[in-house]
Amino acid sequence: AAELIRHALVITAPAFIFMGLVRVSSSYFYACGHQRLSLLLIYADPLLITPAILLPFPLFMGLDGIWATLPAGQLLFSVMLIILFRRHQAELQKKEAKENER
């Protein structure tokens, strides 16, 4: 049992790096007035992304696929966050440019 746990932790541990990013990002968007986006970030992971990855991964990877679902989902979510941050940054730059024109 100890070997199985060690193996599972080696596979799932990288997910914890990305989990903090998701939590902080959700708080950031909420503080910026994007409550819907913040709620999407909170609920999309457990309700959409993780189940979507959990279905195919075990078919191809067996038990390791179950363990790999968590880091894969968090990595996918982090890529999504980078895209959202870049869009938000572009919005802020446009808004700042308009204010500077006045």
Protein backbone atom coordinates (compact mmCIF):
# COMPACT_ATOMS: atom_id res chain seq x y z
CA ALA A 1 0.00 0.00 0.00
CA ALA A 2 2.83 2.38 0.81
CA GLU A 3 4.33 1.92 -2.65
CA LEU A 4 0.98 2.70 -4.30
CA ILE A 5 0.63 5.86 -2.22
CA ARG A 6 4.18 6.97 -3.06
CA HIS A 7 3.53 6.38 -6.76
CA ALA A 8 0.24 8.32 -6.63
CA LEU A 9 1.87 11.25 -4.82
CA VAL A 10 4.66 11.46 -7.39
CA ILE A 11 2.04 11.76 -10.13
CA THR A 12 -0.34 14.16 -8.35
CA ALA A 13 2.18 16.43 -6.57
CA PRO A 14 2.76 18.79 -9.53
CA ALA A 15 -0.92 19.76 -9.39
CA PHE A 16 -0.39 21.61 -6.12
CA ILE A 17 1.86 24.14 -7.84
CA PHE A 18 -0.99 25.14 -10.15
CA MET A 19 -3.78 25.01 -7.54
CA GLY A 20 -2.53 28.12 -5.79
CA LEU A 21 -2.45 30.00 -9.09
CA VAL A 22 -6.10 29.16 -9.69
CA ARG A 23 -7.15 30.35 -6.22
CA VAL A 24 -5.22 33.61 -6.44
CA SER A 25 -6.46 34.27 -9.98
CA SER A 26 -10.06 33.81 -8.95
CA SER A 27 -9.59 36.32 -6.13
CA TYR A 28 -7.89 38.76 -8.51
CA PHE A 29 -10.72 38.70 -11.03
CA TYR A 30 -13.29 39.06 -8.24
CA ALA A 31 -11.44 42.09 -6.88
CA CYS A 32 -11.32 43.62 -10.39
CA GLY A 33 -15.10 43.43 -10.65
CA HIS A 34 -15.31 40.31 -12.81
CA GLN A 35 -17.50 38.27 -10.48
CA ARG A 36 -18.90 36.00 -13.20
CA LEU A 37 -15.43 35.13 -14.44
CA SER A 38 -14.33 34.49 -10.87
CA LEU A 39 -17.27 32.14 -10.32
CA LEU A 40 -16.49 30.40 -13.60
CA LEU A 41 -12.91 29.83 -12.41
CA ILE A 42 -14.12 28.43 -9.10
CA TYR A 43 -16.70 26.01 -10.49
CA ALA A 44 -15.35 25.10 -13.93
CA ASP A 45 -12.54 23.02 -12.51
CA PRO A 46 -14.54 20.54 -10.39
CA LEU A 47 -17.65 20.53 -12.58
CA LEU A 48 -16.26 20.67 -16.13
CA ILE A 49 -12.52 20.24 -16.57
CA THR A 50 -11.77 17.47 -14.07
CA PRO A 51 -14.68 15.24 -15.16
CA ALA A 52 -13.82 15.80 -18.83
CA ILE A 53 -10.26 14.62 -18.20
CA LEU A 54 -11.24 11.89 -15.76
CA LEU A 55 -13.30 10.07 -18.37
CA PRO A 56 -10.62 9.36 -21.02
CA PHE A 57 -7.41 9.26 -18.97
CA PRO A 58 -8.02 5.94 -17.17
CA LEU A 59 -8.96 4.30 -20.45
CA PHE A 60 -5.50 4.98 -21.84
CA MET A 61 -3.38 5.06 -18.70
CA GLY A 62 -5.18 2.79 -16.24
CA LEU A 63 -4.88 3.70 -12.57
CA ASP A 64 -2.15 6.22 -13.37
CA GLY A 65 -4.71 8.03 -15.51
CA ILE A 66 -6.85 8.63 -12.46
CA TRP A 67 -3.88 10.08 -10.59
CA ALA A 68 -2.79 12.12 -13.62
CA THR A 69 -6.22 13.74 -13.95
CA LEU A 70 -5.49 16.25 -11.20
CA PRO A 71 -2.22 17.69 -12.57
CA ALA A 72 -3.49 17.57 -16.16
CA GLY A 73 -6.63 19.48 -15.20
CA GLN A 74 -4.68 22.06 -13.24
CA LEU A 75 -2.22 22.52 -16.10
CA LEU A 76 -5.07 23.00 -18.57
CA PHE A 77 -6.71 25.43 -16.19
CA SER A 78 -3.45 27.37 -15.81
CA VAL A 79 -3.15 27.74 -19.59
CA MET A 80 -6.73 29.04 -19.60
CA LEU A 81 -5.79 31.52 -16.87
CA ILE A 82 -2.84 32.84 -18.85
CA ILE A 83 -5.19 33.52 -21.76
CA LEU A 84 -7.68 35.25 -19.47
CA PHE A 85 -4.96 37.37 -17.84
CA ARG A 86 -3.66 38.48 -21.22
CA ARG A 87 -7.16 39.47 -22.34
CA HIS A 88 -7.71 41.33 -19.09
CA GLN A 89 -4.37 43.10 -19.45
CA ALA A 90 -5.28 44.13 -23.02
CA GLU A 91 -8.61 45.51 -21.75
CA LEU A 92 -6.82 47.52 -19.08
CA GLN A 93 -4.34 48.91 -21.62
CA LYS A 94 -7.17 49.97 -23.95
CA LYS A 95 -8.97 51.61 -21.06
CA GLU A 96 -5.79 53.41 -20.01
CA ALA A 97 -5.14 54.57 -23.58
CA LYS A 98 -8.65 56.04 -23.80
CA GLU A 99 -8.16 57.87 -20.51
CA ASN A 100 -4.82 59.26 -21.69
CA GLU A 101 -6.45 60.63 -24.87
CA ARG A 102 -8.72 62.87 -22.85
